[in-house]
Structures are given as C-alpha cells and as structure tokens.
Amino acid sequence: MKTIKTVAASAYLAGVSGLFGLIFLAGCSALPTPPSRPALYDFGPGALAPEPADRRAPLPPLALADVEAPGLPEGSNAVLYRLAYSDSQQLRPYSQARWSQPPAQLVQQRLREQLGQRRAILKADDAGAQARNAAQGGQTLVLRTELEEFSHLFASPAESAGVVRLRATVVALTPAGESLRGQRVFVARTPARSADAAGGVAALAEASTQVARELADWVAQVR
C-alpha cells in the first residue's frame, strides 16, 4: 500500500511539473518580440584614395556657414519620402531607416569635400582666420546655404528619385559690412534604383554630390 501511494504521489508531482512547464513555455511564447533597430545610413565612406592634384591656380579661402534646413523637421534624422501621385505635400518617414546624423550635416560634409579641392575652407565663425586673410590683402567670402528639399520622391509606386534642392548665397565681408555677391538655387533629381529606403538613400547621396559639384563650380566664378 505504501509503495502504491509513493508511486501515485510521484506521478502527481510529475504531472504538476509538466503543467507548470507548459504554462512557462506558453508565457515565453506570448512575450513581445523586441523591435528591430532601424538601419543607419550616411553618404558612404567618401574618397578612399588621394584626389589627383588640381593644376589650376588655388582659389581664395571661403568661409562655409552651417547648412540650414528650413524645409525639414528640425533635428530629425528620419529618411523622408513623398508620394507625388497621392499627397505630395506630406513628408513621410521610413519606419526602419535613419540617417546617421541630420541631413544638413551630411550635405555640409559633401560641400566641404567639393569646395576644399581648390581652396581653404574656413568656419564662418572663425573671426581670427578671417582677420588674417584680410590682413594679407584678401577679402573673405562667406557661403550660406539652405536645404529646402531632401526627400525620396515617388512619381508612381514604381518610379522614384532622390531630390535635393539647395539655396546658396555668397556674401563678402567688407569694412562697411556684408556685400551680396551672388545667390542661386541648385536642384538635382537622381533616379532611385529601388522603391525603398535603401534606394532612396543612394539616390539622395548621388543628388547631393551633384549639387555640391555644381555649387563649387559656381562659387569659383563669384567675385
């Protein structure tokens, strides 16, 4: 009789343990899956080898102000797109894609790379460098830019492009104050290879490079 009771008790405990195990597994399977982290994008590694020497005469130093972004959400790192065929006035963020830093800073890096190939690039708030340049008989030109559009634009569900629009203003610092030397709007529209965040990011990087090259050529002619 005692052996029968012992066997019954063991069977009961084993059943209870199995039941708790099933409940535990069910509870674990019901836990929410941690959300995946958004992919981070930038404009790529840039030049991986020294640029060929430019035999043209160097240009005078240029002060580059921080790129302003009045057309974008302030401080946002979101990769934005528009549906021109549905509601072109609405900027929409990709949920699983982010820029590594605000687009204005990425564009500023690209501008500095292009402009710096033939001239020294100063910070707009570097008063000491500007004063030394003036003492050497040169004038300091200041480039101010505004990023008005920076989005992945869909003309249709299958056709899209990276669109960059940048307004550039060049002023000269003179003893009498600032003197306007030129202003121009640059627009680049580069077809995207795919209708997703990765395609939009690549197209925006190419469009930014195109704008930076055109702007550098223009600034070289401003006096």
C-alpha atoms as a PDB file:
ATOM      1  CA  MET A   1       0.000   0.000   0.000  1.00  0.00           C
ATOM      2  CA  LYS A   2       2.792   2.412   0.877  1.00  0.00           C
ATOM      3  CA  THR A   3       4.519   1.752  -2.433  1.00  0.00           C
ATOM      4  CA  ILE A   4       1.297   2.454  -4.349  1.00  0.00           C
ATOM      5  CA  LYS A   5       0.891   5.787  -2.531  1.00  0.00           C
ATOM      6  CA  THR A   6       4.513   6.719  -3.270  1.00  0.00           C
ATOM      7  CA  VAL A   7       4.089   5.938  -6.944  1.00  0.00           C
ATOM      8  CA  ALA A   8       0.851   7.941  -7.075  1.00  0.00           C
ATOM      9  CA  ALA A   9       2.494  10.918  -5.369  1.00  0.00           C
ATOM     10  CA  SER A  10       5.421  10.831  -7.796  1.00  0.00           C
ATOM     11  CA  ALA A  11       3.049  10.713 -10.737  1.00  0.00           C
ATOM     12  CA  TYR A  12       1.100  13.661  -9.340  1.00  0.00           C
ATOM     13  CA  LEU A  13       4.263  15.732  -8.878  1.00  0.00           C
ATOM     14  CA  ALA A  14       5.445  14.871 -12.371  1.00  0.00           C
ATOM     15  CA  GLY A  15       2.098  15.984 -13.788  1.00  0.00           C
ATOM     16  CA  VAL A  16       2.177  19.251 -11.881  1.00  0.00           C
ATOM     17  CA  SER A  17       5.753  19.921 -13.024  1.00  0.00           C
ATOM     18  CA  GLY A  18       4.773  19.217 -16.629  1.00  0.00           C
ATOM     19  CA  LEU A  19       1.793  21.531 -16.343  1.00  0.00           C
ATOM     20  CA  PHE A  20       3.930  24.387 -14.986  1.00  0.00           C
ATOM     21  CA  GLY A  21       6.441  23.747 -17.759  1.00  0.00           C
ATOM     22  CA  LEU A  22       3.745  24.095 -20.406  1.00  0.00           C
ATOM     23  CA  ILE A  23       2.461  27.278 -18.771  1.00  0.00           C
ATOM     24  CA  PHE A  24       6.020  28.703 -18.678  1.00  0.00           C
ATOM     25  CA  LEU A  25       6.613  27.913 -22.350  1.00  0.00           C
ATOM     26  CA  ALA A  26       3.271  29.402 -23.303  1.00  0.00           C
ATOM     27  CA  GLY A  27       4.130  32.530 -21.348  1.00  0.00           C
ATOM     28  CA  CYS A  28       7.513  32.834 -23.045  1.00  0.00           C
ATOM     29  CA  SER A  29       5.964  32.479 -26.498  1.00  0.00           C
ATOM     30  CA  ALA A  30       3.485  35.220 -25.641  1.00  0.00           C
ATOM     31  CA  LEU A  31       6.219  37.747 -24.801  1.00  0.00           C
ATOM     32  CA  PRO A  32       6.508  40.520 -27.423  1.00  0.00           C
ATOM     33  CA  THR A  33       9.437  40.279 -29.831  1.00  0.00           C
ATOM     34  CA  PRO A  34      11.910  43.152 -29.293  1.00  0.00           C
ATOM     35  CA  PRO A  35      11.579  45.648 -32.171  1.00  0.00           C
ATOM     36  CA  SER A  36      14.380  45.601 -34.713  1.00  0.00           C
ATOM     37  CA  ARG A  37      16.656  48.627 -34.717  1.00  0.00           C
ATOM     38  CA  PRO A  38      16.362  50.999 -37.714  1.00  0.00           C
ATOM     39  CA  ALA A  39      19.123  50.764 -40.310  1.00  0.00           C
ATOM     40  CA  LEU A  40      21.572  53.691 -40.191  1.00  0.00           C
ATOM     41  CA  TYR A  41      22.659  55.368 -43.440  1.00  0.00           C
ATOM     42  CA  ASP A  42      25.102  58.066 -44.482  1.00  0.00           C
ATOM     43  CA  PHE A  43      26.664  59.144 -47.798  1.00  0.00           C
ATOM     44  CA  GLY A  44      29.259  56.371 -47.802  1.00  0.00           C
ATOM     45  CA  PRO A  45      32.972  56.374 -46.944  1.00  0.00           C
ATOM     46  CA  GLY A  46      33.889  59.114 -49.409  1.00  0.00           C
ATOM     47  CA  ALA A  47      37.197  59.133 -51.280  1.00  0.00           C
ATOM     48  CA  LEU A  48      39.340  56.091 -50.451  1.00  0.00           C
ATOM     49  CA  ALA A  49      42.423  57.390 -52.271  1.00  0.00           C
ATOM     50  CA  PRO A  50      44.004  60.863 -52.627  1.00  0.00           C
ATOM     51  CA  GLU A  51      42.374  63.053 -55.238  1.00  0.00           C
ATOM     52  CA  PRO A  52      44.531  63.813 -58.324  1.00  0.00           C
ATOM     53  CA  ALA A  53      46.377  67.109 -58.000  1.00  0.00           C
ATOM     54  CA  ASP A  54      44.453  70.050 -59.462  1.00  0.00           C
ATOM     55  CA  ARG A  55      46.899  72.073 -61.572  1.00  0.00           C
ATOM     56  CA  ARG A  56      44.653  75.113 -61.696  1.00  0.00           C
ATOM     57  CA  ALA A  57      45.544  78.089 -59.505  1.00  0.00           C
ATOM     58  CA  PRO A  58      44.129  77.809 -55.988  1.00  0.00           C
ATOM     59  CA  LEU A  59      41.126  79.918 -55.153  1.00  0.00           C
ATOM     60  CA  PRO A  60      40.924  82.326 -52.205  1.00  0.00           C
ATOM     61  CA  PRO A  61      39.711  80.968 -48.842  1.00  0.00           C
ATOM     62  CA  LEU A  62      35.977  80.551 -48.341  1.00  0.00           C
ATOM     63  CA  ALA A  63      34.056  80.649 -45.073  1.00  0.00           C
ATOM     64  CA  LEU A  64      31.350  77.961 -45.012  1.00  0.00           C
ATOM     65  CA  ALA A  65      28.418  78.590 -42.688  1.00  0.00           C
ATOM     66  CA  ASP A  66      26.417  75.726 -41.219  1.00  0.00           C
ATOM     67  CA  VAL A  67      23.798  74.430 -43.633  1.00  0.00           C
ATOM     68  CA  GLU A  68      20.317  75.480 -42.555  1.00  0.00           C
ATOM     69  CA  ALA A  69      17.369  73.167 -43.212  1.00  0.00           C
ATOM     70  CA  PRO A  70      14.125  75.192 -43.124  1.00  0.00           C
ATOM     71  CA  GLY A  71      12.362  72.609 -45.307  1.00  0.00           C
ATOM     72  CA  LEU A  72      12.998  69.663 -42.965  1.00  0.00           C
ATOM     73  CA  PRO A  73      11.794  68.718 -39.466  1.00  0.00           C
ATOM     74  CA  GLU A  74      14.224  70.306 -37.007  1.00  0.00           C
ATOM     75  CA  GLY A  75      16.846  67.914 -35.648  1.00  0.00           C
ATOM     76  CA  SER A  76      15.279  64.874 -37.346  1.00  0.00           C
ATOM     77  CA  ASN A  77      17.404  62.004 -38.662  1.00  0.00           C
ATOM     78  CA  ALA A  78      14.471  60.348 -40.446  1.00  0.00           C
ATOM     79  CA  VAL A  79      14.765  59.248 -44.067  1.00  0.00           C
ATOM     80  CA  LEU A  80      11.808  61.044 -45.643  1.00  0.00           C
ATOM     81  CA  TYR A  81       9.748  60.302 -48.736  1.00  0.00           C
ATOM     82  CA  ARG A  82       6.848  61.887 -50.630  1.00  0.00           C
ATOM     83  CA  LEU A  83       4.098  60.317 -52.734  1.00  0.00           C
ATOM     84  CA  ALA A  84       3.697  62.811 -55.562  1.00  0.00           C
ATOM     85  CA  TYR A  85       0.886  60.748 -57.079  1.00  0.00           C
ATOM     86  CA  SER A  86      -1.112  60.749 -53.823  1.00  0.00           C
ATOM     87  CA  ASP A  87      -0.281  63.643 -51.485  1.00  0.00           C
ATOM     88  CA  SER A  88       2.904  65.478 -52.409  1.00  0.00           C
ATOM     89  CA  GLN A  89       2.513  67.933 -49.525  1.00  0.00           C
ATOM     90  CA  GLN A  90       3.036  65.227 -46.901  1.00  0.00           C
ATOM     91  CA  LEU A  91       6.511  64.193 -45.775  1.00  0.00           C
ATOM     92  CA  ARG A  92       6.532  60.607 -44.513  1.00  0.00           C
ATOM     93  CA  PRO A  93       9.364  58.892 -42.584  1.00  0.00           C
ATOM     94  CA  TYR A  94      10.593  55.377 -43.282  1.00  0.00           C
ATOM     95  CA  SER A  95       9.972  53.487 -40.038  1.00  0.00           C
ATOM     96  CA  GLN A  96      13.104  51.317 -40.221  1.00  0.00           C
ATOM     97  CA  ALA A  97      15.651  53.748 -41.683  1.00  0.00           C
ATOM     98  CA  ARG A  98      17.569  56.651 -40.172  1.00  0.00           C
ATOM     99  CA  TRP A  99      20.403  58.947 -41.245  1.00  0.00           C
ATOM    100  CA  SER A 100      23.470  58.709 -39.017  1.00  0.00           C
ATOM    101  CA  GLN A 101      23.153  62.470 -38.431  1.00  0.00           C
ATOM    102  CA  PRO A 102      20.790  65.225 -39.583  1.00  0.00           C
ATOM    103  CA  PRO A 103      20.771  65.589 -43.399  1.00  0.00           C
ATOM    104  CA  ALA A 104      22.020  69.195 -43.182  1.00  0.00           C
ATOM    105  CA  GLN A 105      25.256  67.949 -41.600  1.00  0.00           C
ATOM    106  CA  LEU A 106      25.713  65.254 -44.238  1.00  0.00           C
ATOM    107  CA  VAL A 107      25.216  67.820 -47.011  1.00  0.00           C
ATOM    108  CA  GLN A 108      27.681  70.170 -45.320  1.00  0.00           C
ATOM    109  CA  GLN A 109      30.345  67.452 -45.316  1.00  0.00           C
ATOM    110  CA  ARG A 110      29.801  66.875 -49.027  1.00  0.00           C
ATOM    111  CA  LEU A 111      30.039  70.634 -49.716  1.00  0.00           C
ATOM    112  CA  ARG A 112      33.261  70.866 -47.726  1.00  0.00           C
ATOM    113  CA  GLU A 113      34.763  67.960 -49.702  1.00  0.00           C
ATOM    114  CA  GLN A 114      33.964  69.534 -53.073  1.00  0.00           C
ATOM    115  CA  LEU A 115      34.784  73.144 -52.191  1.00  0.00           C
ATOM    116  CA  GLY A 116      38.013  72.160 -50.448  1.00  0.00           C
ATOM    117  CA  GLN A 117      39.591  70.696 -53.579  1.00  0.00           C
ATOM    118  CA  ARG A 118      40.834  74.109 -54.743  1.00  0.00           C
ATOM    119  CA  ARG A 119      40.678  76.349 -51.698  1.00  0.00           C
ATOM    120  CA  ALA A 120      40.962  76.537 -47.932  1.00  0.00           C
ATOM    121  CA  ILE A 121      37.594  76.199 -46.208  1.00  0.00           C
ATOM    122  CA  LEU A 122      37.134  78.259 -43.048  1.00  0.00           C
ATOM    123  CA  LYS A 123      34.376  78.159 -40.481  1.00  0.00           C
ATOM    124  CA  ALA A 124      32.027  81.104 -40.776  1.00  0.00           C
ATOM    125  CA  ASP A 125      32.530  81.920 -37.093  1.00  0.00           C
ATOM    126  CA  ASP A 126      36.352  81.790 -37.294  1.00  0.00           C
ATOM    127  CA  ALA A 127      36.956  85.516 -36.884  1.00  0.00           C
ATOM    128  CA  GLY A 128      40.706  85.037 -36.413  1.00  0.00           C
ATOM    129  CA  ALA A 129      41.173  83.305 -39.763  1.00  0.00           C
ATOM    130  CA  GLN A 130      39.052  85.921 -41.492  1.00  0.00           C
ATOM    131  CA  ALA A 131      41.089  88.721 -39.935  1.00  0.00           C
ATOM    132  CA  ARG A 132      44.368  87.115 -41.052  1.00  0.00           C
ATOM    133  CA  ASN A 133      43.001  86.776 -44.559  1.00  0.00           C
ATOM    134  CA  ALA A 134      42.027  90.468 -44.593  1.00  0.00           C
ATOM    135  CA  ALA A 135      45.452  91.465 -43.288  1.00  0.00           C
ATOM    136  CA  GLN A 136      47.032  89.679 -46.256  1.00  0.00           C
ATOM    137  CA  GLY A 137      45.013  91.845 -48.613  1.00  0.00           C
ATOM    138  CA  GLY A 138      42.294  89.330 -49.374  1.00  0.00           C
ATOM    139  CA  GLN A 139      38.576  89.528 -48.838  1.00  0.00           C
ATOM    140  CA  THR A 140      36.622  86.810 -47.097  1.00  0.00           C
ATOM    141  CA  LEU A 141      33.724  85.304 -48.969  1.00  0.00           C
ATOM    142  CA  VAL A 142      31.059  83.584 -46.882  1.00  0.00           C
ATOM    143  CA  LEU A 143      28.842  80.848 -48.313  1.00  0.00           C
ATOM    144  CA  ARG A 144      25.453  80.362 -46.679  1.00  0.00           C
ATOM    145  CA  THR A 145      23.154  77.549 -47.765  1.00  0.00           C
ATOM    146  CA  GLU A 146      19.599  76.426 -47.056  1.00  0.00           C
ATOM    147  CA  LEU A 147      18.454  72.866 -47.670  1.00  0.00           C
ATOM    148  CA  GLU A 148      14.927  73.350 -48.982  1.00  0.00           C
ATOM    149  CA  GLU A 149      14.161  69.808 -50.160  1.00  0.00           C
ATOM    150  CA  PHE A 150      15.753  66.476 -49.305  1.00  0.00           C
ATOM    151  CA  SER A 151      13.414  63.566 -49.901  1.00  0.00           C
ATOM    152  CA  HIS A 152      12.765  60.340 -51.790  1.00  0.00           C
ATOM    153  CA  LEU A 153      10.058  61.422 -54.222  1.00  0.00           C
ATOM    154  CA  PHE A 154       7.708  58.835 -55.760  1.00  0.00           C
ATOM    155  CA  ALA A 155       6.181  59.856 -59.093  1.00  0.00           C
ATOM    156  CA  SER A 156       4.419  56.462 -59.080  1.00  0.00           C
ATOM    157  CA  PRO A 157       4.712  53.298 -56.974  1.00  0.00           C
ATOM    158  CA  ALA A 158       7.405  52.024 -59.369  1.00  0.00           C
ATOM    159  CA  GLU A 159       9.210  55.272 -60.289  1.00  0.00           C
ATOM    160  CA  SER A 160      11.068  57.395 -57.745  1.00  0.00           C
ATOM    161  CA  ALA A 161      14.066  59.687 -57.335  1.00  0.00           C
ATOM    162  CA  GLY A 162      16.158  61.381 -54.704  1.00  0.00           C
ATOM    163  CA  VAL A 163      15.505  65.132 -54.841  1.00  0.00           C
ATOM    164  CA  VAL A 164      17.832  67.750 -53.353  1.00  0.00           C
ATOM    165  CA  ARG A 165      17.175  71.492 -53.582  1.00  0.00           C
ATOM    166  CA  LEU A 166      19.734  73.862 -52.072  1.00  0.00           C
ATOM    167  CA  ARG A 167      19.696  77.675 -51.990  1.00  0.00           C
ATOM    168  CA  ALA A 168      23.194  79.205 -51.897  1.00  0.00           C
ATOM    169  CA  THR A 169      24.119  82.787 -51.053  1.00  0.00           C
ATOM    170  CA  VAL A 170      27.615  84.268 -51.226  1.00  0.00           C
ATOM    171  CA  VAL A 171      28.484  87.485 -49.395  1.00  0.00           C
ATOM    172  CA  ALA A 172      31.783  89.323 -48.965  1.00  0.00           C
ATOM    173  CA  LEU A 173      32.820  90.692 -45.595  1.00  0.00           C
ATOM    174  CA  THR A 174      33.918  94.297 -46.041  1.00  0.00           C
ATOM    175  CA  PRO A 175      34.720  97.108 -43.583  1.00  0.00           C
ATOM    176  CA  ALA A 176      31.324  98.597 -44.446  1.00  0.00           C
ATOM    177  CA  GLY A 177      29.514  95.320 -43.738  1.00  0.00           C
ATOM    178  CA  GLU A 178      28.324  92.437 -45.883  1.00  0.00           C
ATOM    179  CA  SER A 179      28.143  92.779 -49.659  1.00  0.00           C
ATOM    180  CA  LEU A 180      25.970  90.355 -51.636  1.00  0.00           C
ATOM    181  CA  ARG A 181      27.971  88.684 -54.407  1.00  0.00           C
ATOM    182  CA  GLY A 182      25.549  86.084 -55.692  1.00  0.00           C
ATOM    183  CA  GLN A 183      22.629  83.783 -55.000  1.00  0.00           C
ATOM    184  CA  ARG A 184      21.434  80.669 -56.797  1.00  0.00           C
ATOM    185  CA  VAL A 185      19.185  77.649 -56.283  1.00  0.00           C
ATOM    186  CA  PHE A 186      20.574  74.219 -57.180  1.00  0.00           C
ATOM    187  CA  VAL A 187      18.289  71.254 -57.852  1.00  0.00           C
ATOM    188  CA  ALA A 188      19.305  67.661 -58.511  1.00  0.00           C
ATOM    189  CA  ARG A 189      16.980  64.734 -59.137  1.00  0.00           C
ATOM    190  CA  THR A 190      18.619  61.294 -59.291  1.00  0.00           C
ATOM    191  CA  PRO A 191      16.557  58.170 -60.173  1.00  0.00           C
ATOM    192  CA  ALA A 192      16.388  55.585 -57.383  1.00  0.00           C
ATOM    193  CA  ARG A 193      17.393  52.009 -58.184  1.00  0.00           C
ATOM    194  CA  SER A 194      14.744  50.565 -55.864  1.00  0.00           C
ATOM    195  CA  ALA A 195      11.463  51.780 -54.390  1.00  0.00           C
ATOM    196  CA  ASP A 196      12.566  51.513 -50.764  1.00  0.00           C
ATOM    197  CA  ALA A 197      14.668  53.292 -48.152  1.00  0.00           C
ATOM    198  CA  ALA A 198      17.956  51.870 -49.454  1.00  0.00           C
ATOM    199  CA  GLY A 199      17.181  53.047 -52.984  1.00  0.00           C
ATOM    200  CA  GLY A 200      16.154  56.486 -51.757  1.00  0.00           C
ATOM    201  CA  VAL A 201      19.265  56.895 -49.619  1.00  0.00           C
ATOM    202  CA  ALA A 202      21.594  56.018 -52.513  1.00  0.00           C
ATOM    203  CA  ALA A 203      19.759  58.423 -54.837  1.00  0.00           C
ATOM    204  CA  LEU A 204      19.901  61.250 -52.286  1.00  0.00           C
ATOM    205  CA  ALA A 205      23.638  60.716 -51.783  1.00  0.00           C
ATOM    206  CA  GLU A 206      24.232  60.946 -55.553  1.00  0.00           C
ATOM    207  CA  ALA A 207      21.998  64.011 -55.870  1.00  0.00           C
ATOM    208  CA  SER A 208      23.860  65.715 -53.012  1.00  0.00           C
ATOM    209  CA  THR A 209      27.185  65.087 -54.735  1.00  0.00           C
ATOM    210  CA  GLN A 210      25.826  66.556 -57.969  1.00  0.00           C
ATOM    211  CA  VAL A 211      24.586  69.674 -56.176  1.00  0.00           C
ATOM    212  CA  ALA A 212      27.912  70.073 -54.361  1.00  0.00           C
ATOM    213  CA  ARG A 213      29.868  69.883 -57.632  1.00  0.00           C
ATOM    214  CA  GLU A 214      27.636  72.376 -59.410  1.00  0.00           C
ATOM    215  CA  LEU A 215      27.776  74.732 -56.436  1.00  0.00           C
ATOM    216  CA  ALA A 216      31.586  74.522 -56.244  1.00  0.00           C
ATOM    217  CA  ASP A 217      31.863  75.400 -59.956  1.00  0.00           C
ATOM    218  CA  TRP A 218      29.506  78.346 -59.470  1.00  0.00           C
ATOM    219  CA  VAL A 219      31.247  79.705 -56.369  1.00  0.00           C
ATOM    220  CA  ALA A 220      34.573  79.561 -58.220  1.00  0.00           C
ATOM    221  CA  GLN A 221      33.213  82.222 -60.582  1.00  0.00           C
ATOM    222  CA  VAL A 222      31.829  84.509 -57.872  1.00  0.00           C
ATOM    223  CA  ARG A 223      33.998  87.503 -57.062  1.00  0.00           C
END
